[in-house]
PDB file of N, CA and C in Angstrom:
ATOM      1  N   UNK A   1      -3.921   7.820  11.983  1.00  0.00           N
ATOM      2  CA  UNK A   1      -3.536   8.967  12.955  1.00  0.00           C
ATOM      3  C   UNK A   1      -2.587   9.087  12.338  1.00  0.00           C
ATOM      4  N   UNK A   2      -1.700  10.030  12.175  1.00  0.00           N
ATOM      5  CA  UNK A   2      -0.358  10.529  11.636  1.00  0.00           C
ATOM      6  C   UNK A   2       0.382  11.343  12.765  1.00  0.00           C
ATOM      7  N   UNK A   3       2.178  11.159  12.714  1.00  0.00           N
ATOM      8  CA  UNK A   3       2.517  11.719  13.732  1.00  0.00           C
ATOM      9  C   UNK A   3       2.139  13.073  13.947  1.00  0.00           C
ATOM     10  N   UNK A   4       2.188  14.233  12.712  1.00  0.00           N
ATOM     11  CA  UNK A   4       1.877  15.432  13.172  1.00  0.00           C
ATOM     12  C   UNK A   4       0.484  15.743  14.403  1.00  0.00           C
ATOM     13  N   UNK A   5      -0.094  14.406  13.683  1.00  0.00           N
ATOM     14  CA  UNK A   5      -1.403  14.653  14.907  1.00  0.00           C
ATOM     15  C   UNK A   5      -1.285  14.717  16.624  1.00  0.00           C
ATOM     16  N   UNK A   6      -0.428  14.459  16.722  1.00  0.00           N
ATOM     17  CA  UNK A   6       0.168  14.000  18.130  1.00  0.00           C
ATOM     18  C   UNK A   6       1.187  15.176  18.374  1.00  0.00           C
ATOM     19  N   UNK A   7       1.338  16.388  18.030  1.00  0.00           N
ATOM     20  CA  UNK A   7       2.081  17.740  18.009  1.00  0.00           C
ATOM     21  C   UNK A   7       1.615  18.034  19.640  1.00  0.00           C
ATOM     22  N   UNK A   8       0.202  18.273  19.607  1.00  0.00           N
ATOM     23  CA  UNK A   8      -0.494  19.045  20.932  1.00  0.00           C
ATOM     24  C   UNK A   8      -0.422  18.588  21.930  1.00  0.00           C
ATOM     25  N   UNK A   9      -0.461  16.391  21.660  1.00  0.00           N
ATOM     26  CA  UNK A   9      -0.489  16.347  22.952  1.00  0.00           C
ATOM     27  C   UNK A   9       0.768  16.394  23.562  1.00  0.00           C
ATOM     28  N   UNK A  10       1.788  16.126  22.425  1.00  0.00           N
ATOM     29  CA  UNK A  10       3.415  16.093  22.678  1.00  0.00           C
ATOM     30  C   UNK A  10       3.779  17.450  23.686  1.00  0.00           C
ATOM     31  N   UNK A  11       3.102  18.823  23.224  1.00  0.00           N
ATOM     32  CA  UNK A  11       3.607  20.063  23.566  1.00  0.00           C
ATOM     33  C   UNK A  11       2.564  20.279  25.146  1.00  0.00           C
ATOM     34  N   UNK A  12       1.814  19.044  25.654  1.00  0.00           N
ATOM     35  CA  UNK A  12       1.365  19.611  26.767  1.00  0.00           C
ATOM     36  C   UNK A  12       1.525  19.580  28.328  1.00  0.00           C
ATOM     37  N   UNK A  13       1.285  20.368  29.437  1.00  0.00           N
ATOM     38  CA  UNK A  13       2.324  20.045  30.285  1.00  0.00           C
ATOM     39  C   UNK A  13       2.250  19.054  31.237  1.00  0.00           C
ATOM     40  N   UNK A  14       0.884  18.145  30.806  1.00  0.00           N
ATOM     41  CA  UNK A  14       0.569  17.602  31.394  1.00  0.00           C
ATOM     42  C   UNK A  14       1.145  16.070  31.093  1.00  0.00           C
ATOM     43  N   UNK A  15       1.675  15.412  32.249  1.00  0.00           N
ATOM     44  CA  UNK A  15       2.368  14.007  31.330  1.00  0.00           C
ATOM     45  C   UNK A  15       2.051  13.172  31.054  1.00  0.00           C
ATOM     46  N   UNK A  16       0.494  13.189  31.466  1.00  0.00           N
ATOM     47  CA  UNK A  16      -0.326  11.882  30.410  1.00  0.00           C
ATOM     48  C   UNK A  16      -0.552  12.091  29.748  1.00  0.00           C
ATOM     49  N   UNK A  17      -1.122  13.684  29.285  1.00  0.00           N
ATOM     50  CA  UNK A  17      -0.910  13.394  27.723  1.00  0.00           C
ATOM     51  C   UNK A  17       0.398  13.532  26.399  1.00  0.00           C
ATOM     52  N   UNK A  18       1.236  13.685  27.416  1.00  0.00           N
ATOM     53  CA  UNK A  18       2.356  13.458  26.237  1.00  0.00           C
ATOM     54  C   UNK A  18       2.982  12.082  26.322  1.00  0.00           C
ATOM     55  N   UNK A  19       2.551  11.174  27.562  1.00  0.00           N
ATOM     56  CA  UNK A  19       2.353   9.666  27.560  1.00  0.00           C
ATOM     57  C   UNK A  19       1.770   9.409  26.222  1.00  0.00           C
ATOM     58  N   UNK A  20       0.446   9.975  26.299  1.00  0.00           N
ATOM     59  CA  UNK A  20      -0.260   9.314  24.929  1.00  0.00           C
ATOM     60  C   UNK A  20      -0.023   9.582  23.958  1.00  0.00           C
ATOM     61  N   UNK A  21       0.735  10.801  23.448  1.00  0.00           N
ATOM     62  CA  UNK A  21       1.617  11.154  22.101  1.00  0.00           C
ATOM     63  C   UNK A  21       2.705   9.983  22.150  1.00  0.00           C
ATOM     64  N   UNK A  22       3.549  10.022  23.287  1.00  0.00           N
ATOM     65  CA  UNK A  22       4.765   8.885  22.877  1.00  0.00           C
ATOM     66  C   UNK A  22       3.929   7.534  22.570  1.00  0.00           C
ATOM     67  N   UNK A  23       3.019   7.160  23.393  1.00  0.00           N
ATOM     68  CA  UNK A  23       2.698   5.600  22.593  1.00  0.00           C
ATOM     69  C   UNK A  23       2.004   5.791  21.718  1.00  0.00           C
ATOM     70  N   UNK A  24       1.174   6.718  21.247  1.00  0.00           N
ATOM     71  CA  UNK A  24       0.707   6.621  19.638  1.00  0.00           C
ATOM     72  C   UNK A  24       1.493   7.068  18.379  1.00  0.00           C
ATOM     73  N   UNK A  25       2.920   7.851  18.993  1.00  0.00           N
ATOM     74  CA  UNK A  25       3.758   7.843  17.630  1.00  0.00           C
ATOM     75  C   UNK A  25       4.649   6.578  17.550  1.00  0.00           C
ATOM     76  N   UNK A  26       4.838   5.712  18.915  1.00  0.00           N
ATOM     77  CA  UNK A  26       5.487   4.518  18.516  1.00  0.00           C
ATOM     78  C   UNK A  26       4.946   3.327  17.870  1.00  0.00           C
ATOM     79  N   UNK A  27       3.086   3.607  18.042  1.00  0.00           N
ATOM     80  CA  UNK A  27       2.537   2.342  17.379  1.00  0.00           C
ATOM     81  C   UNK A  27       2.405   2.916  16.093  1.00  0.00           C
ATOM     82  N   UNK A  28       2.640   4.266  15.701  1.00  0.00           N
ATOM     83  CA  UNK A  28       2.498   4.816  14.145  1.00  0.00           C
ATOM     84  C   UNK A  28       3.980   4.821  13.445  1.00  0.00           C
ATOM     85  N   UNK A  29       5.094   4.200  14.221  1.00  0.00           N
ATOM     86  CA  UNK A  29       6.162   3.889  13.445  1.00  0.00           C
ATOM     87  C   UNK A  29       6.792   3.016  13.144  1.00  0.00           C
ATOM     88  N   UNK A  30       5.187   1.908  14.224  1.00  0.00           N
ATOM     89  CA  UNK A  30       5.670   0.307  14.220  1.00  0.00           C
ATOM     90  C   UNK A  30       5.083  -0.269  12.995  1.00  0.00           C
ATOM     91  N   UNK A  31       4.172   0.227  13.061  1.00  0.00           N
ATOM     92  CA  UNK A  31       3.273  -0.009  11.750  1.00  0.00           C
ATOM     93  C   UNK A  31       3.513   0.173  10.022  1.00  0.00           C
ATOM     94  N   UNK A  32       4.426   1.462  10.382  1.00  0.00           N
ATOM     95  CA  UNK A  32       4.955   2.014   9.103  1.00  0.00           C
ATOM     96  C   UNK A  32       5.891   0.954   8.755  1.00  0.00           C
ATOM     97  N   UNK A  33       6.572   0.840   9.631  1.00  0.00           N
ATOM     98  CA  UNK A  33       8.094  -0.121   9.316  1.00  0.00           C
ATOM     99  C   UNK A  33       7.934  -1.023   9.407  1.00  0.00           C
ATOM    100  N   UNK A  34       6.560  -1.765   9.845  1.00  0.00           N
ATOM    101  CA  UNK A  34       5.882  -3.508   9.749  1.00  0.00           C
ATOM    102  C   UNK A  34       5.727  -3.843   8.241  1.00  0.00           C
ATOM    103  N   UNK A  35       4.809  -2.422   8.225  1.00  0.00           N
ATOM    104  CA  UNK A  35       4.473  -2.519   6.623  1.00  0.00           C
ATOM    105  C   UNK A  35       5.365  -2.218   5.566  1.00  0.00           C
ATOM    106  N   UNK A  36       6.307  -1.722   5.518  1.00  0.00           N
ATOM    107  CA  UNK A  36       7.529  -1.538   4.775  1.00  0.00           C
ATOM    108  C   UNK A  36       8.007  -2.932   5.074  1.00  0.00           C
ATOM    109  N   UNK A  37       8.399  -3.702   5.988  1.00  0.00           N
ATOM    110  CA  UNK A  37       9.163  -4.932   5.729  1.00  0.00           C
ATOM    111  C   UNK A  37       8.317  -6.103   4.932  1.00  0.00           C
ATOM    112  N   UNK A  38       6.928  -6.136   5.461  1.00  0.00           N
ATOM    113  CA  UNK A  38       5.864  -6.678   4.552  1.00  0.00           C
ATOM    114  C   UNK A  38       6.033  -6.559   2.813  1.00  0.00           C
ATOM    115  N   UNK A  39       6.369  -5.461   2.433  1.00  0.00           N
ATOM    116  CA  UNK A  39       5.978  -5.086   0.928  1.00  0.00           C
ATOM    117  C   UNK A  39       7.204  -4.799   0.431  1.00  0.00           C
ATOM    118  N   UNK A  40       8.928  -4.994   1.127  1.00  0.00           N
ATOM    119  CA  UNK A  40       9.595  -5.004   1.016  1.00  0.00           C
ATOM    120  C   UNK A  40       9.817  -4.715  -1.041  1.00  0.00           C
ATOM    121  N   UNK A  41       9.563  -6.064  -1.146  1.00  0.00           N
ATOM    122  CA  UNK A  41       9.744  -5.969  -2.713  1.00  0.00           C
ATOM    123  C   UNK A  41       8.945  -5.160  -3.643  1.00  0.00           C
ATOM    124  N   UNK A  42       8.236  -4.380  -3.117  1.00  0.00           N
ATOM    125  CA  UNK A  42       7.253  -3.506  -4.101  1.00  0.00           C
ATOM    126  C   UNK A  42       7.329  -2.215  -3.674  1.00  0.00           C
ATOM    127  N   UNK A  43       8.187  -1.908  -2.614  1.00  0.00           N
ATOM    128  CA  UNK A  43       8.392  -0.472  -2.249  1.00  0.00           C
ATOM    129  C   UNK A  43       8.908   0.596  -3.179  1.00  0.00           C
ATOM    130  N   UNK A  44       8.672   2.077  -3.155  1.00  0.00           N
ATOM    131  CA  UNK A  44       8.804   2.628  -4.331  1.00  0.00           C
ATOM    132  C   UNK A  44      10.341   3.793  -3.987  1.00  0.00           C
ATOM    133  N   UNK A  45      10.809   2.665  -3.060  1.00  0.00           N
ATOM    134  CA  UNK A  45      12.671   3.117  -3.098  1.00  0.00           C
ATOM    135  C   UNK A  45      13.693   2.209  -2.898  1.00  0.00           C
ATOM    136  N   UNK A  46      14.601   2.587  -2.385  1.00  0.00           N
ATOM    137  CA  UNK A  46      15.601   1.568  -1.756  1.00  0.00           C
ATOM    138  C   UNK A  46      16.347   1.655  -1.404  1.00  0.00           C
ATOM    139  N   UNK A  47      15.540   1.048  -0.060  1.00  0.00           N
ATOM    140  CA  UNK A  47      16.259   0.924   1.303  1.00  0.00           C
ATOM    141  C   UNK A  47      18.000   0.826   1.391  1.00  0.00           C
ATOM    142  N   UNK A  48      18.748   1.573   2.445  1.00  0.00           N
ATOM    143  CA  UNK A  48      20.059   1.460   2.551  1.00  0.00           C
ATOM    144  C   UNK A  48      20.496   0.216   3.266  1.00  0.00           C
ATOM    145  N   UNK A  49      19.493  -0.570   3.593  1.00  0.00           N
ATOM    146  CA  UNK A  49      20.240  -1.770   4.421  1.00  0.00           C
ATOM    147  C   UNK A  49      19.846  -2.973   3.434  1.00  0.00           C
ATOM    148  N   UNK A  50      20.827  -3.647   3.186  1.00  0.00           N
ATOM    149  CA  UNK A  50      20.834  -4.370   2.016  1.00  0.00           C
ATOM    150  C   UNK A  50      19.557  -5.162   2.494  1.00  0.00           C
ATOM    151  N   UNK A  51      19.140  -6.321   1.313  1.00  0.00           N
ATOM    152  CA  UNK A  51      18.027  -6.978   1.351  1.00  0.00           C
ATOM    153  C   UNK A  51      18.814  -8.180   2.277  1.00  0.00           C
ATOM    154  N   UNK A  52      19.810  -8.603   2.209  1.00  0.00           N
ATOM    155  CA  UNK A  52      20.400 -10.046   2.846  1.00  0.00           C
ATOM    156  C   UNK A  52      20.304  -9.545   4.171  1.00  0.00           C
ATOM    157  N   UNK A  53      20.391  -8.242   4.773  1.00  0.00           N
ATOM    158  CA  UNK A  53      20.549  -8.467   6.414  1.00  0.00           C
ATOM    159  C   UNK A  53      19.171  -7.863   6.721  1.00  0.00           C
ATOM    160  N   UNK A  54      18.545  -7.043   5.840  1.00  0.00           N
ATOM    161  CA  UNK A  54      16.919  -6.183   6.462  1.00  0.00           C
ATOM    162  C   UNK A  54      16.473  -7.154   7.284  1.00  0.00           C
ATOM    163  N   UNK A  55      16.504  -8.380   7.456  1.00  0.00           N
ATOM    164  CA  UNK A  55      15.589  -9.441   7.888  1.00  0.00           C
ATOM    165  C   UNK A  55      15.812  -9.098   9.165  1.00  0.00           C
ATOM    166  N   UNK A  56      17.383  -9.422   9.306  1.00  0.00           N
ATOM    167  CA  UNK A  56      17.681  -9.610  11.401  1.00  0.00           C
ATOM    168  C   UNK A  56      17.594  -8.299  11.340  1.00  0.00           C
ATOM    169  N   UNK A  57      17.873  -6.918  11.156  1.00  0.00           N
ATOM    170  CA  UNK A  57      18.101  -5.592  11.478  1.00  0.00           C
ATOM    171  C   UNK A  57      16.459  -5.294  11.945  1.00  0.00           C
ATOM    172  N   UNK A  58      15.588  -5.051  10.587  1.00  0.00           N
ATOM    173  CA  UNK A  58      14.327  -4.680  10.816  1.00  0.00           C
ATOM    174  C   UNK A  58      13.530  -5.605  11.784  1.00  0.00           C
ATOM    175  N   UNK A  59      13.715  -6.914  11.813  1.00  0.00           N
ATOM    176  CA  UNK A  59      13.293  -7.302  12.687  1.00  0.00           C
ATOM    177  C   UNK A  59      13.463  -7.700  14.214  1.00  0.00           C
ATOM    178  N   UNK A  60      14.853  -7.169  14.129  1.00  0.00           N
ATOM    179  CA  UNK A  60      15.501  -6.822  15.669  1.00  0.00           C
ATOM    180  C   UNK A  60      14.802  -5.318  16.370  1.00  0.00           C
ATOM    181  N   UNK A  61      14.569  -4.111  15.301  1.00  0.00           N
ATOM    182  CA  UNK A  61      13.847  -3.394  15.373  1.00  0.00           C
ATOM    183  C   UNK A  61      12.486  -3.760  15.776  1.00  0.00           C
ATOM    184  N   UNK A  62      11.648  -4.087  15.220  1.00  0.00           N
ATOM    185  CA  UNK A  62      10.057  -4.407  15.437  1.00  0.00           C
ATOM    186  C   UNK A  62       9.939  -5.078  16.510  1.00  0.00           C
ATOM    187  N   UNK A  63      10.920  -5.955  16.813  1.00  0.00           N
ATOM    188  CA  UNK A  63      10.771  -6.741  18.460  1.00  0.00           C
ATOM    189  C   UNK A  63      11.321  -5.792  19.444  1.00  0.00           C
ATOM    190  N   UNK A  64      12.074  -4.909  19.272  1.00  0.00           N
ATOM    191  CA  UNK A  64      12.402  -3.797  19.908  1.00  0.00           C
ATOM    192  C   UNK A  64      10.980  -2.905  20.841  1.00  0.00           C
ATOM    193  N   UNK A  65      10.440  -2.607  19.243  1.00  0.00           N
ATOM    194  CA  UNK A  65       9.745  -1.298  19.647  1.00  0.00           C
ATOM    195  C   UNK A  65       8.309  -2.237  20.220  1.00  0.00           C
ATOM    196  N   UNK A  66       7.939  -3.531  19.760  1.00  0.00           N
ATOM    197  CA  UNK A  66       6.683  -4.096  20.014  1.00  0.00           C
ATOM    198  C   UNK A  66       6.738  -4.452  21.788  1.00  0.00           C
ATOM    199  N   UNK A  67       8.566  -4.614  22.404  1.00  0.00           N
ATOM    200  CA  UNK A  67       8.148  -4.675  23.134  1.00  0.00           C
ATOM    201  C   UNK A  67       8.182  -3.249  24.111  1.00  0.00           C
ATOM    202  N   UNK A  68       8.318  -2.471  23.864  1.00  0.00           N
ATOM    203  CA  UNK A  68       8.312  -0.987  24.061  1.00  0.00           C
ATOM    204  C   UNK A  68       6.876  -0.857  24.196  1.00  0.00           C
ATOM    205  N   UNK A  69       6.290  -0.991  23.526  1.00  0.00           N
ATOM    206  CA  UNK A  69       4.850  -0.766  23.414  1.00  0.00           C
ATOM    207  C   UNK A  69       3.952  -1.480  24.821  1.00  0.00           C
ATOM    208  N   UNK A  70       4.675  -2.807  24.480  1.00  0.00           N
ATOM    209  CA  UNK A  70       4.371  -3.349  25.824  1.00  0.00           C
ATOM    210  C   UNK A  70       4.582  -2.972  27.341  1.00  0.00           C
ATOM    211  N   UNK A  71       5.435  -2.136  27.067  1.00  0.00           N
ATOM    212  CA  UNK A  71       5.646  -1.896  28.423  1.00  0.00           C
ATOM    213  C   UNK A  71       5.049  -0.156  28.666  1.00  0.00           C
ATOM    214  N   UNK A  72       5.048   0.076  27.677  1.00  0.00           N
ATOM    215  CA  UNK A  72       4.075   1.458  27.944  1.00  0.00           C
ATOM    216  C   UNK A  72       2.549   1.126  28.076  1.00  0.00           C
ATOM    217  N   UNK A  73       1.900   0.084  27.574  1.00  0.00           N
ATOM    218  CA  UNK A  73       0.398  -0.102  27.989  1.00  0.00           C
ATOM    219  C   UNK A  73       0.506  -0.742  29.367  1.00  0.00           C
ATOM    220  N   UNK A  74       1.331  -1.444  29.866  1.00  0.00           N
ATOM    221  CA  UNK A  74       1.532  -1.693  31.330  1.00  0.00           C
ATOM    222  C   UNK A  74       1.633  -0.907  31.921  1.00  0.00           C
ATOM    223  N   UNK A  75       2.306   0.231  31.732  1.00  0.00           N
ATOM    224  CA  UNK A  75       2.113   1.549  32.507  1.00  0.00           C
ATOM    225  C   UNK A  75       0.761   1.857  32.605  1.00  0.00           C
ATOM    226  N   UNK A  76       0.692   2.204  31.165  1.00  0.00           N
ATOM    227  CA  UNK A  76      -0.895   2.652  31.011  1.00  0.00           C
ATOM    228  C   UNK A  76      -1.930   2.546  32.217  1.00  0.00           C
ATOM    229  N   UNK A  77      -1.947   0.988  32.190  1.00  0.00           N
ATOM    230  CA  UNK A  77      -2.856   0.129  33.101  1.00  0.00           C
ATOM    231  C   UNK A  77      -2.204   0.716  34.839  1.00  0.00           C
ATOM    232  N   UNK A  78      -0.807   0.584  34.776  1.00  0.00           N
ATOM    233  CA  UNK A  78      -1.133   1.455  36.544  1.00  0.00           C
ATOM    234  C   UNK A  78      -1.206   2.631  36.772  1.00  0.00           C
ATOM    235  N   UNK A  79      -0.840   3.180  36.191  1.00  0.00           N
ATOM    236  CA  UNK A  79      -1.232   4.765  35.960  1.00  0.00           C
ATOM    237  C   UNK A  79      -2.406   5.191  35.843  1.00  0.00           C
ATOM    238  N   UNK A  80      -3.080   4.514  35.234  1.00  0.00           N
ATOM    239  CA  UNK A  80      -4.540   5.036  34.681  1.00  0.00           C
ATOM    240  C   UNK A  80      -4.955   6.033  33.767  1.00  0.00           C
ATOM    241  N   UNK A  81      -3.945   5.533  32.637  1.00  0.00           N
ATOM    242  CA  UNK A  81      -4.082   6.445  31.439  1.00  0.00           C
ATOM    243  C   UNK A  81      -4.923   5.370  30.290  1.00  0.00           C
ATOM    244  N   UNK A  82      -5.431   6.360  29.822  1.00  0.00           N
ATOM    245  CA  UNK A  82      -6.700   5.642  28.677  1.00  0.00           C
ATOM    246  C   UNK A  82      -5.555   5.887  27.402  1.00  0.00           C
ATOM    247  N   UNK A  83      -5.093   5.002  26.617  1.00  0.00           N
ATOM    248  CA  UNK A  83      -4.544   5.142  25.057  1.00  0.00           C
ATOM    249  C   UNK A  83      -5.227   4.736  24.517  1.00  0.00           C
TER     250      UNK A  83
END
Protein backbone atom coordinates (compact mmCIF):
# COMPACT_ATOMS: atom_id res chain seq x y z
CA UNK A 1 0.00 0.00 0.00
CA UNK A 2 1.11 3.54 -0.77
CA UNK A 3 -0.02 6.91 0.57
CA UNK A 4 -2.11 7.53 -2.55
CA UNK A 5 -4.13 4.41 -1.72
CA UNK A 6 -5.43 6.09 1.45
CA UNK A 7 -6.93 9.17 -0.21
CA UNK A 8 -10.47 7.82 -0.51
CA UNK A 9 -10.54 6.81 3.15
CA UNK A 10 -9.11 10.18 4.20
CA UNK A 11 -11.92 12.00 2.39
CA UNK A 12 -14.68 9.90 3.91
CA UNK A 13 -17.38 11.42 6.09
CA UNK A 14 -16.99 8.44 8.44
CA UNK A 15 -14.43 9.11 11.17
CA UNK A 16 -13.57 5.41 11.29
CA UNK A 17 -12.46 5.50 7.66
CA UNK A 18 -10.36 8.62 8.34
CA UNK A 19 -8.90 6.91 11.39
CA UNK A 20 -7.91 3.89 9.30
CA UNK A 21 -6.33 6.20 6.71
CA UNK A 22 -4.38 8.04 9.41
CA UNK A 23 -3.11 4.74 10.80
CA UNK A 24 -2.13 3.38 7.40
CA UNK A 25 -0.38 6.62 6.42
CA UNK A 26 1.61 6.61 9.64
CA UNK A 27 2.67 2.98 9.18
CA UNK A 28 3.72 3.66 5.58
CA UNK A 29 5.79 6.69 6.63
CA UNK A 30 7.30 4.80 9.58
CA UNK A 31 8.40 1.88 7.40
CA UNK A 32 9.90 4.17 4.76
CA UNK A 33 11.85 6.19 7.32
CA UNK A 34 13.08 3.04 9.06
CA UNK A 35 14.22 1.61 5.72
CA UNK A 36 16.05 4.85 4.91
CA UNK A 37 17.86 4.81 8.26
CA UNK A 38 18.76 1.13 7.88
CA UNK A 39 20.15 1.74 4.38
CA UNK A 40 21.85 5.08 5.11
CA UNK A 41 25.11 4.16 3.35
CA UNK A 42 23.32 3.00 0.19
CA UNK A 43 20.91 5.88 -0.43
CA UNK A 44 20.60 7.38 -3.89
CA UNK A 45 20.37 10.88 -2.37
CA UNK A 46 22.18 12.82 0.34
CA UNK A 47 19.95 13.64 3.32
CA UNK A 48 20.21 17.18 4.68
CA UNK A 49 20.72 15.85 8.19
CA UNK A 50 24.45 15.29 8.79
CA UNK A 51 25.42 11.65 9.27
CA UNK A 52 26.74 12.39 12.77
CA UNK A 53 23.37 13.80 13.83
CA UNK A 54 21.04 11.49 11.93
CA UNK A 55 21.08 8.66 14.42
CA UNK A 56 19.69 10.70 17.29
CA UNK A 57 17.22 12.74 15.22
CA UNK A 58 15.82 9.93 13.11
CA UNK A 59 15.74 7.47 15.99
CA UNK A 60 13.76 10.00 18.06
CA UNK A 61 11.35 10.41 15.16
CA UNK A 62 10.99 6.64 14.71
CA UNK A 63 10.37 6.22 18.44
CA UNK A 64 7.67 8.90 18.42
CA UNK A 65 6.05 7.36 15.36
CA UNK A 66 6.12 3.88 16.91
CA UNK A 67 4.50 5.24 20.07
CA UNK A 68 1.84 7.00 17.99
CA UNK A 69 1.16 3.75 16.11
CA UNK A 70 0.71 2.01 19.47
CA UNK A 71 -1.72 4.69 20.64
CA UNK A 72 -3.78 4.35 17.47
CA UNK A 73 -3.83 0.56 17.89
CA UNK A 74 -5.17 0.94 21.43
CA UNK A 75 -7.81 3.41 20.26
CA UNK A 76 -8.77 1.08 17.42
CA UNK A 77 -9.30 -1.75 19.88
CA UNK A 78 -11.37 0.44 22.22
CA UNK A 79 -13.45 1.88 19.39
CA UNK A 80 -13.83 -1.46 17.57
CA UNK A 81 -12.12 -0.23 14.41
CA UNK A 82 -10.51 -2.91 12.29
CA UNK A 83 -7.18 -1.55 11.14
